Amino acid sequence: MVSVKLFGTFRLDSGIKSLELEASSVKKLLPMIMEKVKEKDPDTELTLDDLKGCIISLNGKQVGFSAKLKDGDKLDLVPAVAGG
């Protein structure tokens, strides 16, 4: 199982703080997260594209969608924001 934590607007929009899921890569995990979000709130404004545009931290290091996952990994999803 991979421990997933959502931060910022992802947490606010989804109502989900954390999840435990099984997947072999980040690319496969993101649709699973979106499925859980839709189960909790079918009218959510959060989209898969929002998740794809986030900053992904795997065990404390920034990674991309092709990153492989293993049991016990900790994944953080942080929305990318622009400041001004």
N, C-alpha and C. Protein backbone atom coordinates (compact mmCIF):
# COMPACT_ATOMS: atom_id res chain seq x y z
N MET A 1 0.83 -1.19 0.00
CA MET A 1 0.00 0.00 0.00
C MET A 1 0.88 1.25 0.00
N VAL A 2 0.39 2.26 -0.69
CA VAL A 2 1.05 3.55 -0.75
C VAL A 2 0.21 4.54 0.04
N SER A 3 0.84 5.30 0.89
CA SER A 3 0.16 6.32 1.68
C SER A 3 0.16 7.62 0.87
N VAL A 4 -1.02 8.16 0.60
CA VAL A 4 -1.16 9.37 -0.21
C VAL A 4 -1.75 10.47 0.65
N LYS A 5 -1.12 11.64 0.63
CA LYS A 5 -1.65 12.80 1.34
C LYS A 5 -1.93 13.91 0.33
N LEU A 6 -3.08 14.53 0.48
CA LEU A 6 -3.46 15.65 -0.37
C LEU A 6 -3.28 16.94 0.42
N PHE A 7 -2.81 17.97 -0.25
CA PHE A 7 -2.55 19.25 0.41
C PHE A 7 -3.27 20.40 -0.30
N GLY A 8 -3.40 21.50 0.41
CA GLY A 8 -3.93 22.74 -0.16
C GLY A 8 -5.33 22.60 -0.72
N THR A 9 -5.53 23.16 -1.90
CA THR A 9 -6.86 23.15 -2.51
C THR A 9 -7.31 21.74 -2.85
N PHE A 10 -6.37 20.81 -3.08
CA PHE A 10 -6.78 19.43 -3.33
C PHE A 10 -7.53 18.88 -2.12
N ARG A 11 -7.00 19.14 -0.94
CA ARG A 11 -7.65 18.67 0.28
C ARG A 11 -8.99 19.37 0.48
N LEU A 12 -8.99 20.68 0.26
CA LEU A 12 -10.22 21.45 0.44
C LEU A 12 -11.29 21.04 -0.56
N ASP A 13 -10.92 20.90 -1.82
CA ASP A 13 -11.89 20.57 -2.86
C ASP A 13 -12.39 19.13 -2.78
N SER A 14 -11.55 18.23 -2.31
CA SER A 14 -11.92 16.82 -2.28
C SER A 14 -12.51 16.38 -0.95
N GLY A 15 -12.15 17.10 0.12
CA GLY A 15 -12.58 16.66 1.45
C GLY A 15 -11.79 15.46 1.95
N ILE A 16 -10.73 15.11 1.26
CA ILE A 16 -9.90 13.95 1.62
C ILE A 16 -8.53 14.41 2.06
N LYS A 17 -8.11 13.97 3.22
CA LYS A 17 -6.79 14.31 3.74
C LYS A 17 -5.75 13.28 3.31
N SER A 18 -6.12 12.00 3.41
CA SER A 18 -5.16 10.96 3.06
C SER A 18 -5.89 9.70 2.59
N LEU A 19 -5.15 8.88 1.86
CA LEU A 19 -5.67 7.62 1.32
C LEU A 19 -4.59 6.56 1.41
N GLU A 20 -4.99 5.32 1.40
CA GLU A 20 -4.08 4.19 1.28
C GLU A 20 -4.51 3.44 0.03
N LEU A 21 -3.63 3.38 -0.97
CA LEU A 21 -3.96 2.74 -2.23
C LEU A 21 -2.81 1.86 -2.70
N GLU A 22 -3.12 0.96 -3.65
CA GLU A 22 -2.11 0.10 -4.23
C GLU A 22 -1.99 0.39 -5.71
N ALA A 23 -0.79 0.75 -6.15
CA ALA A 23 -0.52 0.99 -7.56
C ALA A 23 0.97 0.83 -7.79
N SER A 24 1.33 0.54 -9.03
CA SER A 24 2.74 0.31 -9.35
C SER A 24 3.47 1.57 -9.81
N SER A 25 2.70 2.63 -10.16
CA SER A 25 3.33 3.87 -10.60
C SER A 25 2.42 5.05 -10.27
N VAL A 26 3.00 6.24 -10.28
CA VAL A 26 2.23 7.45 -10.04
C VAL A 26 1.17 7.60 -11.12
N LYS A 27 1.53 7.31 -12.35
CA LYS A 27 0.60 7.42 -13.48
C LYS A 27 -0.66 6.59 -13.27
N LYS A 28 -0.51 5.41 -12.70
CA LYS A 28 -1.66 4.54 -12.44
C LYS A 28 -2.41 4.96 -11.18
N LEU A 29 -1.72 5.62 -10.27
CA LEU A 29 -2.32 6.02 -9.00
C LEU A 29 -3.27 7.21 -9.14
N LEU A 30 -2.93 8.18 -9.99
CA LEU A 30 -3.73 9.40 -10.08
C LEU A 30 -5.20 9.14 -10.44
N PRO A 31 -5.51 8.28 -11.43
CA PRO A 31 -6.92 7.99 -11.69
C PRO A 31 -7.63 7.32 -10.51
N MET A 32 -6.90 6.53 -9.75
CA MET A 32 -7.48 5.89 -8.57
C MET A 32 -7.85 6.93 -7.52
N ILE A 33 -6.98 7.93 -7.35
CA ILE A 33 -7.27 9.02 -6.42
C ILE A 33 -8.51 9.76 -6.86
N MET A 34 -8.60 10.06 -8.16
CA MET A 34 -9.74 10.78 -8.70
C MET A 34 -11.03 10.00 -8.49
N GLU A 35 -10.96 8.69 -8.61
CA GLU A 35 -12.11 7.82 -8.38
C GLU A 35 -12.60 7.96 -6.94
N LYS A 36 -11.69 7.96 -5.99
CA LYS A 36 -12.04 8.11 -4.57
C LYS A 36 -12.65 9.48 -4.30
N VAL A 37 -12.10 10.51 -4.95
CA VAL A 37 -12.63 11.87 -4.79
C VAL A 37 -14.06 11.92 -5.28
N LYS A 38 -14.32 11.33 -6.46
CA LYS A 38 -15.68 11.34 -7.03
C LYS A 38 -16.65 10.52 -6.19
N GLU A 39 -16.17 9.45 -5.55
CA GLU A 39 -17.03 8.67 -4.65
C GLU A 39 -17.48 9.54 -3.48
N LYS A 40 -16.56 10.32 -2.94
CA LYS A 40 -16.87 11.16 -1.79
C LYS A 40 -17.74 12.35 -2.18
N ASP A 41 -17.44 12.96 -3.33
CA ASP A 41 -18.19 14.13 -3.78
C ASP A 41 -18.37 14.07 -5.30
N PRO A 42 -19.48 13.50 -5.76
CA PRO A 42 -19.70 13.37 -7.20
C PRO A 42 -19.70 14.72 -7.95
N ASP A 43 -19.96 15.80 -7.25
CA ASP A 43 -20.02 17.12 -7.88
C ASP A 43 -18.72 17.91 -7.73
N THR A 44 -17.66 17.24 -7.35
CA THR A 44 -16.39 17.93 -7.14
C THR A 44 -15.94 18.68 -8.40
N GLU A 45 -15.26 19.79 -8.18
CA GLU A 45 -14.70 20.55 -9.30
C GLU A 45 -13.26 20.10 -9.59
N LEU A 46 -12.71 19.28 -8.72
CA LEU A 46 -11.36 18.75 -8.91
C LEU A 46 -11.36 17.79 -10.10
N THR A 47 -10.34 17.88 -10.96
CA THR A 47 -10.27 17.02 -12.13
C THR A 47 -8.94 16.26 -12.16
N LEU A 48 -8.89 15.27 -13.02
CA LEU A 48 -7.66 14.51 -13.20
C LEU A 48 -6.55 15.43 -13.72
N ASP A 49 -6.91 16.39 -14.56
CA ASP A 49 -5.91 17.35 -15.05
C ASP A 49 -5.32 18.16 -13.91
N ASP A 50 -6.14 18.49 -12.90
CA ASP A 50 -5.62 19.20 -11.72
C ASP A 50 -4.55 18.35 -11.03
N LEU A 51 -4.83 17.06 -10.88
CA LEU A 51 -3.87 16.17 -10.24
C LEU A 51 -2.61 16.03 -11.08
N LYS A 52 -2.78 15.98 -12.40
CA LYS A 52 -1.62 15.86 -13.29
C LYS A 52 -0.75 17.10 -13.25
N GLY A 53 -1.31 18.23 -12.88
CA GLY A 53 -0.55 19.47 -12.82
C GLY A 53 0.06 19.77 -11.47
N CYS A 54 0.02 18.81 -10.57
CA CYS A 54 0.49 19.05 -9.21
C CYS A 54 1.97 18.73 -9.04
N ILE A 55 2.49 19.12 -7.90
CA ILE A 55 3.84 18.75 -7.50
C ILE A 55 3.73 17.43 -6.75
N ILE A 56 4.51 16.45 -7.16
CA ILE A 56 4.43 15.11 -6.59
C ILE A 56 5.71 14.83 -5.82
N SER A 57 5.54 14.51 -4.56
CA SER A 57 6.68 14.19 -3.71
C SER A 57 6.56 12.73 -3.27
N LEU A 58 7.59 11.95 -3.59
CA LEU A 58 7.62 10.54 -3.22
C LEU A 58 8.73 10.34 -2.19
N ASN A 59 8.34 9.99 -0.98
CA ASN A 59 9.29 9.80 0.11
C ASN A 59 10.21 11.02 0.28
N GLY A 60 9.62 12.21 0.10
CA GLY A 60 10.35 13.45 0.33
C GLY A 60 11.12 13.99 -0.86
N LYS A 61 11.03 13.32 -2.01
CA LYS A 61 11.74 13.79 -3.21
C LYS A 61 10.74 14.01 -4.34
N GLN A 62 10.90 15.13 -5.05
CA GLN A 62 10.00 15.43 -6.15
C GLN A 62 10.23 14.45 -7.30
N VAL A 63 9.11 13.91 -7.82
CA VAL A 63 9.18 12.91 -8.90
C VAL A 63 8.15 13.26 -9.98
N GLY A 64 8.22 12.53 -11.08
CA GLY A 64 7.27 12.68 -12.18
C GLY A 64 6.28 11.53 -12.23
N PHE A 65 5.47 11.52 -13.29
CA PHE A 65 4.41 10.52 -13.41
C PHE A 65 4.93 9.10 -13.64
N SER A 66 6.13 8.99 -14.15
CA SER A 66 6.65 7.66 -14.45
C SER A 66 7.27 6.98 -13.23
N ALA A 67 7.31 7.68 -12.10
CA ALA A 67 7.92 7.11 -10.90
C ALA A 67 7.22 5.82 -10.48
N LYS A 68 8.02 4.82 -10.20
CA LYS A 68 7.51 3.53 -9.73
C LYS A 68 7.23 3.60 -8.24
N LEU A 69 6.21 2.87 -7.82
CA LEU A 69 5.80 2.85 -6.41
C LEU A 69 5.98 1.45 -5.84
N LYS A 70 6.25 1.41 -4.53
CA LYS A 70 6.34 0.12 -3.85
C LYS A 70 5.63 0.23 -2.50
N ASP A 71 5.36 -0.90 -1.93
CA ASP A 71 4.68 -0.96 -0.65
C ASP A 71 5.41 -0.12 0.39
N GLY A 72 4.67 0.72 1.11
CA GLY A 72 5.25 1.54 2.16
C GLY A 72 5.65 2.94 1.71
N ASP A 73 5.58 3.22 0.41
CA ASP A 73 5.92 4.56 -0.08
C ASP A 73 4.93 5.60 0.45
N LYS A 74 5.44 6.83 0.57
CA LYS A 74 4.62 7.97 1.00
C LYS A 74 4.63 9.00 -0.12
N LEU A 75 3.43 9.31 -0.61
CA LEU A 75 3.28 10.21 -1.74
C LEU A 75 2.48 11.44 -1.30
N ASP A 76 3.00 12.61 -1.57
CA ASP A 76 2.32 13.87 -1.27
C ASP A 76 1.96 14.55 -2.58
N LEU A 77 0.72 15.03 -2.68
CA LEU A 77 0.27 15.78 -3.85
C LEU A 77 -0.03 17.21 -3.43
N VAL A 78 0.72 18.14 -4.02
CA VAL A 78 0.61 19.55 -3.67
C VAL A 78 0.24 20.32 -4.92
N PRO A 79 -0.83 21.12 -4.88
CA PRO A 79 -1.16 21.90 -6.07
C PRO A 79 -0.06 22.89 -6.40
N ALA A 80 0.23 22.99 -7.69
CA ALA A 80 1.20 23.99 -8.15
C ALA A 80 0.46 25.32 -8.19
N VAL A 81 1.03 26.32 -7.53
CA VAL A 81 0.38 27.64 -7.50
C VAL A 81 1.36 28.68 -8.01
N ALA A 82 0.78 29.72 -8.56
CA ALA A 82 1.61 30.83 -9.04
C ALA A 82 1.41 32.01 -8.13
N GLY A 83 2.47 32.62 -7.77
CA GLY A 83 2.39 33.80 -6.93
C GLY A 83 2.65 35.05 -7.76
N GLY A 84 2.44 36.19 -7.15
CA GLY A 84 2.67 37.38 -7.94
C GLY A 84 3.01 38.57 -7.08
